C-alpha atoms as a PDB file:
ATOM      1  CA  MET A   1       6.854   8.757  24.823  1.00  0.00           C
ATOM      2  CA  ALA A   2       5.351   9.991  21.011  1.00  0.00           C
ATOM      3  CA  ALA A   3       2.302  11.748  20.486  1.00  0.00           C
ATOM      4  CA  LEU A   4      -0.764  10.006  18.786  1.00  0.00           C
ATOM      5  CA  ILE A   5      -0.059  12.394  15.564  1.00  0.00           C
ATOM      6  CA  GLU A   6       4.243  11.201  15.685  1.00  0.00           C
ATOM      7  CA  LYS A   7       2.410   7.789  16.088  1.00  0.00           C
ATOM      8  CA  VAL A   8       0.815   8.325  12.920  1.00  0.00           C
ATOM      9  CA  ALA A   9       3.230   9.703  11.119  1.00  0.00           C
ATOM     10  CA  ASN A  10       5.260   6.563  11.841  1.00  0.00           C
ATOM     11  CA  LEU A  11       2.983   4.576  10.595  1.00  0.00           C
ATOM     12  CA  ALA A  12       2.405   5.824   7.243  1.00  0.00           C
ATOM     13  CA  TYR A  13       5.883   6.067   6.469  1.00  0.00           C
ATOM     14  CA  LYS A  14       6.298   2.654   7.219  1.00  0.00           C
ATOM     15  CA  THR A  15       3.690   1.660   5.390  1.00  0.00           C
ATOM     16  CA  PHE A  16       4.243   3.580   1.805  1.00  0.00           C
ATOM     17  CA  ALA A  17       7.722   3.580   2.173  1.00  0.00           C
ATOM     18  CA  ASP A  18       7.928   0.231   0.223  1.00  0.00           C
ATOM     19  CA  PHE A  19       5.558   1.538  -2.400  1.00  0.00           C
ATOM     20  CA  SER A  20       7.550   4.773  -3.181  1.00  0.00           C
ATOM     21  CA  HIS A  21      10.269   2.109  -3.662  1.00  0.00           C
ATOM     22  CA  THR A  22       8.536  -1.120  -4.968  1.00  0.00           C
ATOM     23  CA  ASN A  23       5.385   0.405  -6.387  1.00  0.00           C
ATOM     24  CA  SER A  24       4.020  -2.523  -4.604  1.00  0.00           C
ATOM     25  CA  LEU A  25       0.378  -2.792  -4.163  1.00  0.00           C
ATOM     26  CA  THR A  26       0.145  -5.733  -2.400  1.00  0.00           C
ATOM     27  CA  VAL A  27       2.907  -4.917   0.268  1.00  0.00           C
ATOM     28  CA  VAL A  28       0.725  -1.714   1.239  1.00  0.00           C
ATOM     29  CA  GLY A  29      -2.558  -3.731   0.879  1.00  0.00           C
ATOM     30  CA  GLN A  30      -1.183  -5.441   3.919  1.00  0.00           C
ATOM     31  CA  LYS A  31      -0.002  -2.587   5.949  1.00  0.00           C
ATOM     32  CA  LEU A  32      -3.006  -0.608   5.584  1.00  0.00           C
ATOM     33  CA  PRO A  33      -5.674  -1.982   7.800  1.00  0.00           C
ATOM     34  CA  ALA A  34      -3.200  -1.106  10.781  1.00  0.00           C
ATOM     35  CA  LEU A  35      -2.309   2.555  10.078  1.00  0.00           C
ATOM     36  CA  LYS A  36      -6.047   2.902   9.690  1.00  0.00           C
ATOM     37  CA  GLY A  37      -6.659   1.792  12.583  1.00  0.00           C
ATOM     38  CA  LEU A  38      -4.308   4.123  14.502  1.00  0.00           C
ATOM     39  CA  VAL A  39      -5.864   7.275  11.553  1.00  0.00           C
ATOM     40  CA  GLY A  40      -8.990   6.434  13.829  1.00  0.00           C
ATOM     41  CA  PHE A  41      -8.227   7.351  17.310  1.00  0.00           C
ATOM     42  CA  VAL A  42      -7.232  10.792  16.147  1.00  0.00           C
ATOM     43  CA  THR A  43      -8.788  14.380  17.064  1.00  0.00           C
ATOM     44  CA  SER A  44      -8.383  17.759  16.434  1.00  0.00           C
ATOM     45  CA  LYS A  45      -6.847  17.612  20.237  1.00  0.00           C
ATOM     46  CA  ASP A  46      -4.063  15.827  18.530  1.00  0.00           C
ATOM     47  CA  VAL A  47      -3.673  18.360  16.078  1.00  0.00           C
ATOM     48  CA  VAL A  48      -3.723  21.111  17.974  1.00  0.00           C
ATOM     49  CA  LEU A  49      -6.609  22.564  15.529  1.00  0.00           C
ATOM     50  CA  ASP A  50      -6.942  26.832  16.553  1.00  0.00           C
ATOM     51  CA  ASP A  51     -11.385  26.535  17.209  1.00  0.00           C
ATOM     52  CA  ARG A  52     -11.422  29.707  15.789  1.00  0.00           C
ATOM     53  CA  LEU A  53     -10.926  27.966  12.483  1.00  0.00           C
ATOM     54  CA  VAL A  54     -14.201  26.200  12.673  1.00  0.00           C
ATOM     55  CA  THR A  55     -16.053  28.331  14.898  1.00  0.00           C
ATOM     56  CA  SER A  56     -18.123  30.514  12.174  1.00  0.00           C
ATOM     57  CA  THR A  57     -20.668  28.536  11.552  1.00  0.00           C
ATOM     58  CA  GLY A  58     -22.632  30.305   8.977  1.00  0.00           C
ATOM     59  CA  PRO A  59     -22.712  29.879   5.189  1.00  0.00           C
ATOM     60  CA  PHE A  60     -18.855  30.876   3.698  1.00  0.00           C
ATOM     61  CA  ASN A  61     -19.813  34.197   1.027  1.00  0.00           C
ATOM     62  CA  LEU A  62     -17.182  33.804  -1.794  1.00  0.00           C
ATOM     63  CA  GLU A  63     -17.006  37.542  -2.439  1.00  0.00           C
ATOM     64  CA  TYR A  64     -17.729  38.979   0.850  1.00  0.00           C
ATOM     65  CA  GLY A  65     -16.090  36.032   3.094  1.00  0.00           C
ATOM     66  CA  VAL A  66     -13.356  36.506   5.278  1.00  0.00           C
ATOM     67  CA  GLY A  67     -10.488  34.380   3.904  1.00  0.00           C
ATOM     68  CA  ALA A  68     -10.273  31.616   1.596  1.00  0.00           C
ATOM     69  CA  PRO A  69     -12.759  28.992   1.360  1.00  0.00           C
ATOM     70  CA  VAL A  70     -10.599  26.398   2.373  1.00  0.00           C
ATOM     71  CA  THR A  71      -7.888  26.433   4.415  1.00  0.00           C
ATOM     72  CA  TYR A  72      -4.960  24.133   4.713  1.00  0.00           C
ATOM     73  CA  MET A  73      -2.336  23.334   7.750  1.00  0.00           C
ATOM     74  CA  HIS A  74       0.840  21.903   6.789  1.00  0.00           C
ATOM     75  CA  LEU A  75       2.197  18.874   8.560  1.00  0.00           C
ATOM     76  CA  TRP A  76       4.459  17.357   6.687  1.00  0.00           C
ATOM     77  CA  GLU A  77       5.904  16.732   3.338  1.00  0.00           C
ATOM     78  CA  ASP A  78       8.195  14.888   1.714  1.00  0.00           C
ATOM     79  CA  LYS A  79       8.299  11.894  -1.650  1.00  0.00           C
ATOM     80  CA  VAL A  80       6.854   9.708   0.526  1.00  0.00           C
ATOM     81  CA  LEU A  81       4.178  11.245   2.272  1.00  0.00           C
ATOM     82  CA  SER A  82       2.307  14.468   3.046  1.00  0.00           C
ATOM     83  CA  ILE A  83       0.119  15.206   5.908  1.00  0.00           C
ATOM     84  CA  GLY A  84      -1.837  17.891   6.180  1.00  0.00           C
ATOM     85  CA  VAL A  85      -5.197  19.005   7.497  1.00  0.00           C
ATOM     86  CA  PHE A  86      -8.236  20.404   5.721  1.00  0.00           C
ATOM     87  CA  ILE A  87     -10.652  23.033   6.878  1.00  0.00           C
ATOM     88  CA  VAL A  88     -13.560  24.057   4.686  1.00  0.00           C
ATOM     89  CA  LYS A  89     -16.499  26.456   5.639  1.00  0.00           C
ATOM     90  CA  HIS A  90     -19.789  25.557   5.730  1.00  0.00           C
ATOM     91  CA  GLY A  91     -21.304  25.192   2.593  1.00  0.00           C
ATOM     92  CA  MET A  92     -17.453  24.950   0.584  1.00  0.00           C
ATOM     93  CA  SER A  93     -16.057  22.103  -1.325  1.00  0.00           C
ATOM     94  CA  ILE A  94     -12.883  20.418  -2.588  1.00  0.00           C
ATOM     95  CA  PRO A  95     -14.372  20.045  -6.142  1.00  0.00           C
ATOM     96  CA  LEU A  96     -14.249  16.947  -8.182  1.00  0.00           C
ATOM     97  CA  HIS A  97     -10.227  15.906  -8.177  1.00  0.00           C
ATOM     98  CA  ASP A  98      -7.795  12.872  -8.875  1.00  0.00           C
ATOM     99  CA  HIS A  99      -4.824  11.122  -7.372  1.00  0.00           C
ATOM    100  CA  PRO A 100      -3.135   9.561  -9.946  1.00  0.00           C
ATOM    101  CA  MET A 101      -1.649   6.373  -8.307  1.00  0.00           C
ATOM    102  CA  MET A 102      -1.986   7.425  -4.840  1.00  0.00           C
ATOM    103  CA  TYR A 103      -3.226   6.113  -1.297  1.00  0.00           C
ATOM    104  CA  GLY A 104      -4.871   7.978   0.763  1.00  0.00           C
ATOM    105  CA  LEU A 105      -6.668   8.196   4.432  1.00  0.00           C
ATOM    106  CA  ILE A 106      -9.268  11.159   4.894  1.00  0.00           C
ATOM    107  CA  LYS A 107     -10.049  11.623   9.310  1.00  0.00           C
ATOM    108  CA  VAL A 108     -13.087  13.657  10.246  1.00  0.00           C
ATOM    109  CA  LEU A 109     -11.943  16.150  12.919  1.00  0.00           C
ATOM    110  CA  HIS A 110     -14.500  18.593  13.721  1.00  0.00           C
ATOM    111  CA  GLY A 111     -18.026  18.972  11.403  1.00  0.00           C
ATOM    112  CA  THR A 112     -19.701  16.670   8.813  1.00  0.00           C
ATOM    113  CA  MET A 113     -18.094  16.033   5.184  1.00  0.00           C
ATOM    114  CA  HIS A 114     -20.594  14.941   2.372  1.00  0.00           C
ATOM    115  CA  VAL A 115     -18.181  12.793   0.117  1.00  0.00           C
ATOM    116  CA  THR A 116     -18.802  11.517  -3.464  1.00  0.00           C
ATOM    117  CA  SER A 117     -16.860   9.455  -5.371  1.00  0.00           C
ATOM    118  CA  PHE A 118     -15.769   7.331  -7.867  1.00  0.00           C
ATOM    119  CA  SER A 119     -13.403   4.563  -8.435  1.00  0.00           C
ATOM    120  CA  GLN A 120     -11.197   4.211 -11.482  1.00  0.00           C
ATOM    121  CA  HIS A 121     -13.188   2.025 -14.383  1.00  0.00           C
ATOM    122  CA  SER A 122     -13.932  -2.079 -13.746  1.00  0.00           C
ATOM    123  CA  CYS A 123     -13.101  -4.178 -17.137  1.00  0.00           C
ATOM    124  CA  GLU A 124     -17.210  -5.764 -16.423  1.00  0.00           C
ATOM    125  CA  ASP A 125     -18.851  -2.421 -17.333  1.00  0.00           C
ATOM    126  CA  GLU A 126     -17.080  -2.463 -20.874  1.00  0.00           C
ATOM    127  CA  ARG A 127     -19.901  -2.942 -23.379  1.00  0.00           C
ATOM    128  CA  LEU A 128     -21.773  -0.116 -21.350  1.00  0.00           C
ATOM    129  CA  ALA A 129     -19.104   2.692 -21.189  1.00  0.00           C
ATOM    130  CA  ASP A 130     -18.738   1.641 -24.693  1.00  0.00           C
ATOM    131  CA  LYS A 131     -22.045   2.900 -25.151  1.00  0.00           C
ATOM    132  CA  VAL A 132     -21.497   5.880 -22.977  1.00  0.00           C
ATOM    133  CA  LEU A 133     -18.826   6.850 -24.999  1.00  0.00           C
ATOM    134  CA  SER A 134     -20.177   6.465 -28.436  1.00  0.00           C
ATOM    135  CA  SER A 135     -22.831   8.544 -27.262  1.00  0.00           C
ATOM    136  CA  LEU A 136     -20.597  11.472 -26.476  1.00  0.00           C
ATOM    137  CA  PRO A 137     -19.529  14.559 -29.133  1.00  0.00           C
ATOM    138  CA  PRO A 138     -16.482  13.059 -30.725  1.00  0.00           C
ATOM    139  CA  SER A 139     -14.790  16.259 -29.233  1.00  0.00           C
ATOM    140  CA  GLN A 140     -15.705  14.941 -25.861  1.00  0.00           C
ATOM    141  CA  ARG A 141     -14.781  11.498 -26.342  1.00  0.00           C
ATOM    142  CA  ARG A 142     -10.926  11.405 -26.065  1.00  0.00           C
ATOM    143  CA  LEU A 143     -11.091  13.567 -23.097  1.00  0.00           C
ATOM    144  CA  VAL A 144     -14.054  11.955 -21.114  1.00  0.00           C
ATOM    145  CA  ARG A 145     -12.628   9.597 -17.937  1.00  0.00           C
ATOM    146  CA  CYS A 146     -15.195   6.528 -17.824  1.00  0.00           C
ATOM    147  CA  VAL A 147     -15.062   5.977 -13.824  1.00  0.00           C
ATOM    148  CA  ASP A 148     -17.293   3.448 -11.561  1.00  0.00           C
ATOM    149  CA  SER A 149     -19.909   5.375  -9.233  1.00  0.00           C
ATOM    150  CA  LEU A 150     -19.836   4.820  -4.958  1.00  0.00           C
ATOM    151  CA  PRO A 151     -22.130   5.176  -2.634  1.00  0.00           C
ATOM    152  CA  GLU A 152     -22.616   8.981  -1.865  1.00  0.00           C
ATOM    153  CA  ALA A 153     -21.589   9.279   2.315  1.00  0.00           C
ATOM    154  CA  MET A 154     -22.080  11.740   4.914  1.00  0.00           C
ATOM    155  CA  VAL A 155     -18.603  11.127   7.420  1.00  0.00           C
ATOM    156  CA  ASP A 156     -18.016  12.897  11.056  1.00  0.00           C
ATOM    157  CA  LYS A 157     -15.519  12.246  13.626  1.00  0.00           C
ATOM    158  CA  HIS A 158     -17.191   9.313  14.583  1.00  0.00           C
ATOM    159  CA  SER A 159     -16.793   7.778  11.120  1.00  0.00           C
ATOM    160  CA  ASP A 160     -13.937   5.208  10.103  1.00  0.00           C
ATOM    161  CA  PRO A 161     -11.407   7.344   7.878  1.00  0.00           C
ATOM    162  CA  CYS A 162     -12.269   6.829   4.628  1.00  0.00           C
ATOM    163  CA  VAL A 163      -9.426   5.268   2.405  1.00  0.00           C
ATOM    164  CA  LEU A 164      -8.422   5.640  -0.988  1.00  0.00           C
ATOM    165  CA  THR A 165      -6.182   3.617  -3.043  1.00  0.00           C
ATOM    166  CA  PRO A 166      -4.481   3.889  -6.771  1.00  0.00           C
ATOM    167  CA  THR A 167      -8.202   2.352  -8.037  1.00  0.00           C
ATOM    168  CA  ILE A 168     -10.376   2.687  -5.466  1.00  0.00           C
ATOM    169  CA  GLY A 169     -12.584   6.278  -4.422  1.00  0.00           C
ATOM    170  CA  ASN A 170      -9.060   7.982  -6.039  1.00  0.00           C
ATOM    171  CA  TYR A 171     -11.950  10.844  -7.755  1.00  0.00           C
ATOM    172  CA  HIS A 172     -13.878  12.316  -5.026  1.00  0.00           C
ATOM    173  CA  GLU A 173     -15.284  15.760  -4.156  1.00  0.00           C
ATOM    174  CA  ILE A 174     -16.100  16.714  -0.365  1.00  0.00           C
ATOM    175  CA  THR A 175     -18.340  19.113   0.755  1.00  0.00           C
ATOM    176  CA  ALA A 176     -18.825  20.457   4.167  1.00  0.00           C
ATOM    177  CA  VAL A 177     -22.252  20.310   5.718  1.00  0.00           C
ATOM    178  CA  ASP A 178     -23.900  21.293   8.956  1.00  0.00           C
ATOM    179  CA  GLY A 179     -21.055  23.939   9.221  1.00  0.00           C
ATOM    180  CA  PRO A 180     -17.341  24.234   8.887  1.00  0.00           C
ATOM    181  CA  MET A 181     -15.545  20.928   8.688  1.00  0.00           C
ATOM    182  CA  ALA A 182     -12.123  19.902   9.478  1.00  0.00           C
ATOM    183  CA  PHE A 183     -10.318  16.717   8.417  1.00  0.00           C
ATOM    184  CA  LEU A 184      -7.055  14.893   8.920  1.00  0.00           C
ATOM    185  CA  ASP A 185      -5.615  14.056   4.990  1.00  0.00           C
ATOM    186  CA  ILE A 186      -2.622  11.557   4.256  1.00  0.00           C
ATOM    187  CA  LEU A 187      -1.726  11.057   0.888  1.00  0.00           C
ATOM    188  CA  ALA A 188       1.457   8.584  -0.500  1.00  0.00           C
ATOM    189  CA  PRO A 189       2.631   9.362  -2.294  1.00  0.00           C
ATOM    190  CA  PRO A 190       1.937  13.327  -2.167  1.00  0.00           C
ATOM    191  CA  TYR A 191       1.011  15.307  -5.446  1.00  0.00           C
ATOM    192  CA  ASP A 192       4.211  15.817  -7.776  1.00  0.00           C
ATOM    193  CA  HIS A 193       3.351  19.450  -9.776  1.00  0.00           C
ATOM    194  CA  ASP A 194       5.369  17.985 -12.684  1.00  0.00           C
ATOM    195  CA  PRO A 195       2.940  17.694 -15.489  1.00  0.00           C
ATOM    196  CA  GLN A 196       4.122  14.194 -16.454  1.00  0.00           C
ATOM    197  CA  SER A 197       4.238  13.108 -12.789  1.00  0.00           C
ATOM    198  CA  ARG A 198       1.198  12.939 -10.294  1.00  0.00           C
ATOM    199  CA  GLU A 199      -0.293  16.286 -10.686  1.00  0.00           C
ATOM    200  CA  CYS A 200      -4.091  17.277  -9.728  1.00  0.00           C
ATOM    201  CA  HIS A 201      -6.333  17.392 -12.368  1.00  0.00           C
ATOM    202  CA  TYR A 202     -10.273  18.670 -11.375  1.00  0.00           C
ATOM    203  CA  TYR A 203     -13.382  17.505 -13.250  1.00  0.00           C
ATOM    204  CA  ARG A 204     -16.742  17.999 -13.927  1.00  0.00           C
ATOM    205  CA  GLU A 205     -19.711  14.864 -14.091  1.00  0.00           C
ATOM    206  CA  LEU A 206     -21.367  14.819 -17.541  1.00  0.00           C
ATOM    207  CA  ASP A 207     -25.413  14.266 -17.891  1.00  0.00           C
ATOM    208  CA  ILE A 208     -25.618  11.319 -19.127  1.00  0.00           C
ATOM    209  CA  ALA A 209     -28.856   9.892 -17.068  1.00  0.00           C
ATOM    210  CA  ASN A 210     -30.290   8.530 -20.560  1.00  0.00           C
ATOM    211  CA  ILE A 211     -27.785   6.652 -21.354  1.00  0.00           C
ATOM    212  CA  GLN A 212     -27.796   5.659 -17.525  1.00  0.00           C
ATOM    213  CA  SER A 213     -31.954   4.746 -17.777  1.00  0.00           C
ATOM    214  CA  GLN A 214     -31.222   2.962 -21.263  1.00  0.00           C
ATOM    215  CA  GLY A 215     -28.643   0.636 -19.373  1.00  0.00           C
ATOM    216  CA  GLU A 216     -31.153  -0.461 -15.829  1.00  0.00           C
ATOM    217  CA  GLN A 217     -33.986  -0.682 -18.390  1.00  0.00           C
ATOM    218  CA  SER A 218     -32.520  -3.450 -20.160  1.00  0.00           C
ATOM    219  CA  GLY A 219     -31.176  -5.112 -16.960  1.00  0.00           C
ATOM    220  CA  GLU A 220     -27.634  -4.030 -16.724  1.00  0.00           C
ATOM    221  CA  ARG A 221     -26.553  -2.093 -12.690  1.00  0.00           C
ATOM    222  CA  CYS A 222     -24.696   0.870 -14.460  1.00  0.00           C
ATOM    223  CA  ARG A 223     -22.726   2.455 -11.994  1.00  0.00           C
ATOM    224  CA  ILE A 224     -20.697   4.388 -14.807  1.00  0.00           C
ATOM    225  CA  SER A 225     -20.043   7.871 -14.855  1.00  0.00           C
ATOM    226  CA  CYS A 226     -18.229  10.107 -17.067  1.00  0.00           C
ATOM    227  CA  LEU A 227     -15.961  12.894 -16.158  1.00  0.00           C
ATOM    228  CA  VAL A 228     -14.501  15.451 -18.202  1.00  0.00           C
ATOM    229  CA  PRO A 229     -10.957  17.890 -17.137  1.00  0.00           C
ATOM    230  CA  VAL A 230     -11.924  21.039 -16.135  1.00  0.00           C
ATOM    231  CA  GLY A 231      -9.567  24.223 -14.565  1.00  0.00           C
ATOM    232  CA  GLN A 232      -9.004  25.028 -11.595  1.00  0.00           C
ATOM    233  CA  PRO A 233     -12.828  26.125 -10.436  1.00  0.00           C
ATOM    234  CA  ASN A 234     -13.509  29.426  -9.887  1.00  0.00           C
ATOM    235  CA  ASN A 235     -14.845  28.848  -6.249  1.00  0.00           C
ATOM    236  CA  PHE A 236     -12.224  26.480  -4.933  1.00  0.00           C
ATOM    237  CA  TRP A 237      -8.154  28.268  -3.691  1.00  0.00           C
ATOM    238  CA  CYS A 238      -6.687  27.548  -0.195  1.00  0.00           C
ATOM    239  CA  ASP A 239      -5.109  30.243   2.271  1.00  0.00           C
ATOM    240  CA  SER A 240      -3.241  28.159   5.072  1.00  0.00           C
ATOM    241  CA  ALA A 241      -2.949  27.925   8.877  1.00  0.00           C
ATOM    242  CA  VAL A 242       0.009  27.810  11.201  1.00  0.00           C
ATOM    243  CA  TYR A 243       0.887  23.965  12.553  1.00  0.00           C
ATOM    244  CA  ARG A 244       1.281  24.189  16.115  1.00  0.00           C
ATOM    245  CA  GLY A 245       1.242  20.783  17.657  1.00  0.00           C
ATOM    246  CA  PRO A 246       3.928  17.762  18.063  1.00  0.00           C
ATOM    247  CA  LYS A 247       6.829  18.590  15.710  1.00  0.00           C
ATOM    248  CA  LEU A 248       7.106  15.344  12.827  1.00  0.00           C
ATOM    249  CA  ARG A 249      10.035  13.334  11.438  1.00  0.00           C
ATOM    250  CA  PRO A 250       8.826  10.085  10.050  1.00  0.00           C
ATOM    251  CA  ASN A 251      11.291  10.213   8.201  1.00  0.00           C
ATOM    252  CA  GLU A 252      14.303   9.949  11.173  1.00  0.00           C
ATOM    253  CA  GLU A 253      12.155   7.288  12.694  1.00  0.00           C
ATOM    254  CA  GLN A 254      12.884   4.831  10.214  1.00  0.00           C
ATOM    255  CA  ARG A 255      17.063   5.352  10.385  1.00  0.00           C
END
């Protein structure tokens, strides 16, 4: 009988294989609830998470700490999807980054994470976005991304999986709070580091509080934020851990 993580991998492959072939948001949207439900049952035991990776509860020291602020455990990757586990040390973050035309599911396995996320900008706020852009120096306007702010969230192992789509929640920053944190991460399609494809980009949020307050005073509900691309932050890098759970073969299951 297949282990739960194998069932998750197989269903994820079925869910996203059509997207890789047809780029159909509708097809994936119909299948996503079933996958989210199954992912919600995954625990640290299902991926055989080594307890030693999450036992150091003190804040990580970037200068003197052992290892990296973030550890990645690879479970599976091909052109359809990637599956892995991120372990984030206490107080450390996966910086604000994007997911170009990608779906994602996150299930916390240990600890608690704070999530700040943004969605691709919607047309309904176009007038306010224009006001924001016009307030910026010309050198920034061509680089900035206007996005819609989503409510911040605290997520733990009892929470439902977080879901991002090509247009909703596809920019986010994840921080471990009150100790180390680990989460299962499914991305489809995976990142492609060809600069013309799905490369991961990092961002910082611009301070536009004065523009936001002006919009709110005029009766406009301001959800607009502005992100500007930056290089990979110096305080973020990963090392790796070996996955010792059930072997995944989701592509073979579809033959």
